[in-house]
């Protein structure tokens, strides 16, 4: 059964190969995937702005 769609938007960004490799490695170390890691980074950034 497919997961229900979340209330969100999809964006495409261009990043360097080096940044991609670094983020992929970090994601693997944290036991997650690239998309979830980027999402976590952005959510943390927004939370820090509100402090």
PDB file of N, CA and C in Angstrom:
ATOM      1  N   UNK A   1       0.842  -1.180   0.000  1.00  0.00           N
ATOM      2  CA  UNK A   1       0.000   0.000   0.000  1.00  0.00           C
ATOM      3  C   UNK A   1       0.889   1.246   0.000  1.00  0.00           C
ATOM      4  N   UNK A   2       0.567   2.198  -0.824  1.00  0.00           N
ATOM      5  CA  UNK A   2       1.348   3.434  -0.937  1.00  0.00           C
ATOM      6  C   UNK A   2       1.115   4.323   0.279  1.00  0.00           C
ATOM      7  N   UNK A   3       2.150   5.053   0.639  1.00  0.00           N
ATOM      8  CA  UNK A   3       2.027   6.000   1.750  1.00  0.00           C
ATOM      9  C   UNK A   3       1.185   7.192   1.308  1.00  0.00           C
ATOM     10  N   UNK A   4       0.392   7.748   2.228  1.00  0.00           N
ATOM     11  CA  UNK A   4      -0.355   8.962   1.865  1.00  0.00           C
ATOM     12  C   UNK A   4       0.612  10.116   1.628  1.00  0.00           C
ATOM     13  N   UNK A   5       0.250  10.997   0.711  1.00  0.00           N
ATOM     14  CA  UNK A   5       1.102  12.146   0.416  1.00  0.00           C
ATOM     15  C   UNK A   5       1.143  13.089   1.604  1.00  0.00           C
ATOM     16  N   UNK A   6       2.334  13.612   1.862  1.00  0.00           N
ATOM     17  CA  UNK A   6       2.496  14.581   2.935  1.00  0.00           C
ATOM     18  C   UNK A   6       2.185  15.966   2.399  1.00  0.00           C
ATOM     19  N   UNK A   7       1.888  16.867   3.303  1.00  0.00           N
ATOM     20  CA  UNK A   7       1.608  18.244   2.928  1.00  0.00           C
ATOM     21  C   UNK A   7       2.936  18.958   2.721  1.00  0.00           C
ATOM     22  N   UNK A   8       3.490  18.867   1.539  1.00  0.00           N
ATOM     23  CA  UNK A   8       4.790  19.469   1.265  1.00  0.00           C
ATOM     24  C   UNK A   8       4.938  19.775  -0.211  1.00  0.00           C
ATOM     25  N   UNK A   9       6.086  20.294  -0.559  1.00  0.00           N
ATOM     26  CA  UNK A   9       6.392  20.604  -1.952  1.00  0.00           C
ATOM     27  C   UNK A   9       7.716  19.961  -2.325  1.00  0.00           C
ATOM     28  N   UNK A  10       7.895  19.735  -3.594  1.00  0.00           N
ATOM     29  CA  UNK A  10       9.126  19.155  -4.111  1.00  0.00           C
ATOM     30  C   UNK A  10       9.905  20.242  -4.833  1.00  0.00           C
ATOM     31  N   UNK A  11      11.190  20.356  -4.535  1.00  0.00           N
ATOM     32  CA  UNK A  11      12.063  21.348  -5.171  1.00  0.00           C
ATOM     33  C   UNK A  11      13.286  20.646  -5.735  1.00  0.00           C
ATOM     34  N   UNK A  12      13.793  21.172  -6.830  1.00  0.00           N
ATOM     35  CA  UNK A  12      15.037  20.669  -7.411  1.00  0.00           C
ATOM     36  C   UNK A  12      16.118  21.718  -7.231  1.00  0.00           C
ATOM     37  N   UNK A  13      17.299  21.274  -6.834  1.00  0.00           N
ATOM     38  CA  UNK A  13      18.434  22.179  -6.683  1.00  0.00           C
ATOM     39  C   UNK A  13      19.656  21.536  -7.324  1.00  0.00           C
ATOM     40  N   UNK A  14      20.563  22.368  -7.786  1.00  0.00           N
ATOM     41  CA  UNK A  14      21.819  21.881  -8.341  1.00  0.00           C
ATOM     42  C   UNK A  14      22.909  22.100  -7.308  1.00  0.00           C
ATOM     43  N   UNK A  15      23.666  21.027  -7.027  1.00  0.00           N
ATOM     44  CA  UNK A  15      24.777  21.103  -6.086  1.00  0.00           C
ATOM     45  C   UNK A  15      26.003  20.477  -6.738  1.00  0.00           C
ATOM     46  N   UNK A  16      27.160  20.789  -6.198  1.00  0.00           N
ATOM     47  CA  UNK A  16      28.393  20.225  -6.754  1.00  0.00           C
ATOM     48  C   UNK A  16      28.468  18.730  -6.444  1.00  0.00           C
ATOM     49  N   UNK A  17      29.231  18.034  -7.232  1.00  0.00           N
ATOM     50  CA  UNK A  17      29.438  16.604  -7.015  1.00  0.00           C
ATOM     51  C   UNK A  17      30.075  16.371  -5.645  1.00  0.00           C
ATOM     52  N   UNK A  18      30.999  17.258  -5.268  1.00  0.00           N
ATOM     53  CA  UNK A  18      31.667  17.127  -3.976  1.00  0.00           C
ATOM     54  C   UNK A  18      30.676  17.247  -2.820  1.00  0.00           C
ATOM     55  N   UNK A  19      29.752  18.208  -2.920  1.00  0.00           N
ATOM     56  CA  UNK A  19      28.745  18.375  -1.871  1.00  0.00           C
ATOM     57  C   UNK A  19      27.819  17.167  -1.830  1.00  0.00           C
ATOM     58  N   UNK A  20      27.434  16.676  -2.988  1.00  0.00           N
ATOM     59  CA  UNK A  20      26.577  15.486  -3.036  1.00  0.00           C
ATOM     60  C   UNK A  20      27.264  14.308  -2.345  1.00  0.00           C
ATOM     61  N   UNK A  21      28.525  14.081  -2.671  1.00  0.00           N
ATOM     62  CA  UNK A  21      29.256  12.959  -2.082  1.00  0.00           C
ATOM     63  C   UNK A  21      29.370  13.110  -0.570  1.00  0.00           C
ATOM     64  N   UNK A  22      29.635  14.326  -0.114  1.00  0.00           N
ATOM     65  CA  UNK A  22      29.752  14.583   1.317  1.00  0.00           C
ATOM     66  C   UNK A  22      28.431  14.316   2.034  1.00  0.00           C
ATOM     67  N   UNK A  23      27.334  14.798   1.463  1.00  0.00           N
ATOM     68  CA  UNK A  23      26.022  14.601   2.082  1.00  0.00           C
ATOM     69  C   UNK A  23      25.588  13.141   2.025  1.00  0.00           C
ATOM     70  N   UNK A  24      25.882  12.454   0.934  1.00  0.00           N
ATOM     71  CA  UNK A  24      25.557  11.025   0.827  1.00  0.00           C
ATOM     72  C   UNK A  24      26.302  10.233   1.901  1.00  0.00           C
ATOM     73  N   UNK A  25      27.579  10.564   2.109  1.00  0.00           N
ATOM     74  CA  UNK A  25      28.382   9.884   3.129  1.00  0.00           C
ATOM     75  C   UNK A  25      27.814  10.150   4.518  1.00  0.00           C
ATOM     76  N   UNK A  26      27.485  11.412   4.803  1.00  0.00           N
ATOM     77  CA  UNK A  26      26.913  11.761   6.107  1.00  0.00           C
ATOM     78  C   UNK A  26      25.585  11.050   6.330  1.00  0.00           C
ATOM     79  N   UNK A  27      24.762  10.993   5.294  1.00  0.00           N
ATOM     80  CA  UNK A  27      23.470  10.310   5.409  1.00  0.00           C
ATOM     81  C   UNK A  27      23.671   8.833   5.746  1.00  0.00           C
ATOM     82  N   UNK A  28      24.601   8.188   5.055  1.00  0.00           N
ATOM     83  CA  UNK A  28      24.868   6.771   5.315  1.00  0.00           C
ATOM     84  C   UNK A  28      25.350   6.563   6.750  1.00  0.00           C
ATOM     85  N   UNK A  29      26.211   7.459   7.225  1.00  0.00           N
ATOM     86  CA  UNK A  29      26.721   7.362   8.598  1.00  0.00           C
ATOM     87  C   UNK A  29      25.604   7.509   9.621  1.00  0.00           C
ATOM     88  N   UNK A  30      24.583   8.296   9.287  1.00  0.00           N
ATOM     89  CA  UNK A  30      23.464   8.525  10.205  1.00  0.00           C
ATOM     90  C   UNK A  30      22.335   7.522   9.997  1.00  0.00           C
ATOM     91  N   UNK A  31      22.504   6.620   9.030  1.00  0.00           N
ATOM     92  CA  UNK A  31      21.488   5.601   8.788  1.00  0.00           C
ATOM     93  C   UNK A  31      20.237   6.135   8.124  1.00  0.00           C
ATOM     94  N   UNK A  32      20.387   7.156   7.310  1.00  0.00           N
ATOM     95  CA  UNK A  32      19.245   7.738   6.609  1.00  0.00           C
ATOM     96  C   UNK A  32      19.601   7.896   5.139  1.00  0.00           C
ATOM     97  N   UNK A  33      18.752   8.551   4.388  1.00  0.00           N
ATOM     98  CA  UNK A  33      19.065   8.777   2.977  1.00  0.00           C
ATOM     99  C   UNK A  33      19.308  10.265   2.726  1.00  0.00           C
ATOM    100  N   UNK A  34      19.750  10.560   1.534  1.00  0.00           N
ATOM    101  CA  UNK A  34      20.119  11.920   1.149  1.00  0.00           C
ATOM    102  C   UNK A  34      18.971  12.900   1.386  1.00  0.00           C
ATOM    103  N   UNK A  35      17.785  12.568   0.902  1.00  0.00           N
ATOM    104  CA  UNK A  35      16.637  13.473   1.019  1.00  0.00           C
ATOM    105  C   UNK A  35      16.286  13.764   2.471  1.00  0.00           C
ATOM    106  N   UNK A  36      16.268  12.730   3.292  1.00  0.00           N
ATOM    107  CA  UNK A  36      15.944  12.941   4.704  1.00  0.00           C
ATOM    108  C   UNK A  36      16.998  13.785   5.394  1.00  0.00           C
ATOM    109  N   UNK A  37      18.270  13.579   5.064  1.00  0.00           N
ATOM    110  CA  UNK A  37      19.330  14.384   5.667  1.00  0.00           C
ATOM    111  C   UNK A  37      19.167  15.852   5.296  1.00  0.00           C
ATOM    112  N   UNK A  38      18.940  16.135   4.027  1.00  0.00           N
ATOM    113  CA  UNK A  38      18.772  17.526   3.590  1.00  0.00           C
ATOM    114  C   UNK A  38      17.556  18.142   4.276  1.00  0.00           C
ATOM    115  N   UNK A  39      16.480  17.388   4.378  1.00  0.00           N
ATOM    116  CA  UNK A  39      15.279  17.876   5.057  1.00  0.00           C
ATOM    117  C   UNK A  39      15.587  18.192   6.521  1.00  0.00           C
ATOM    118  N   UNK A  40      16.318  17.301   7.197  1.00  0.00           N
ATOM    119  CA  UNK A  40      16.680  17.532   8.601  1.00  0.00           C
ATOM    120  C   UNK A  40      17.532  18.788   8.748  1.00  0.00           C
ATOM    121  N   UNK A  41      18.488  18.981   7.845  1.00  0.00           N
ATOM    122  CA  UNK A  41      19.348  20.167   7.888  1.00  0.00           C
ATOM    123  C   UNK A  41      18.507  21.430   7.747  1.00  0.00           C
ATOM    124  N   UNK A  42      17.566  21.423   6.817  1.00  0.00           N
ATOM    125  CA  UNK A  42      16.732  22.607   6.592  1.00  0.00           C
ATOM    126  C   UNK A  42      15.792  22.876   7.767  1.00  0.00           C
ATOM    127  N   UNK A  43      15.215  21.827   8.330  1.00  0.00           N
ATOM    128  CA  UNK A  43      14.324  21.990   9.485  1.00  0.00           C
ATOM    129  C   UNK A  43      15.105  22.548  10.672  1.00  0.00           C
ATOM    130  N   UNK A  44      16.317  22.015  10.913  1.00  0.00           N
ATOM    131  CA  UNK A  44      17.151  22.525  12.006  1.00  0.00           C
ATOM    132  C   UNK A  44      17.516  23.987  11.780  1.00  0.00           C
ATOM    133  N   UNK A  45      17.803  24.346  10.549  1.00  0.00           N
ATOM    134  CA  UNK A  45      18.156  25.733  10.224  1.00  0.00           C
ATOM    135  C   UNK A  45      16.995  26.665  10.546  1.00  0.00           C
ATOM    136  N   UNK A  46      15.794  26.279  10.168  1.00  0.00           N
ATOM    137  CA  UNK A  46      14.619  27.105  10.455  1.00  0.00           C
ATOM    138  C   UNK A  46      14.383  27.219  11.957  1.00  0.00           C
ATOM    139  N   UNK A  47      14.575  26.131  12.686  1.00  0.00           N
ATOM    140  CA  UNK A  47      14.399  26.164  14.141  1.00  0.00           C
ATOM    141  C   UNK A  47      15.420  27.103  14.777  1.00  0.00           C
ATOM    142  N   UNK A  48      16.658  27.077  14.292  1.00  0.00           N
ATOM    143  CA  UNK A  48      17.701  27.962  14.824  1.00  0.00           C
ATOM    144  C   UNK A  48      17.380  29.432  14.562  1.00  0.00           C
ATOM    145  N   UNK A  49      16.758  29.724  13.430  1.00  0.00           N
ATOM    146  CA  UNK A  49      16.400  31.108  13.104  1.00  0.00           C
ATOM    147  C   UNK A  49      15.358  31.658  14.071  1.00  0.00           C
ATOM    148  N   UNK A  50      14.540  30.782  14.631  1.00  0.00           N
ATOM    149  CA  UNK A  50      13.464  31.210  15.519  1.00  0.00           C
ATOM    150  C   UNK A  50      13.930  31.394  16.957  1.00  0.00           C
ATOM    151  N   UNK A  51      15.183  31.037  17.242  1.00  0.00           N
ATOM    152  CA  UNK A  51      15.710  31.165  18.610  1.00  0.00           C
ATOM    153  C   UNK A  51      16.094  32.587  18.909  1.00  0.00           C
TER     154      UNK A  51
END
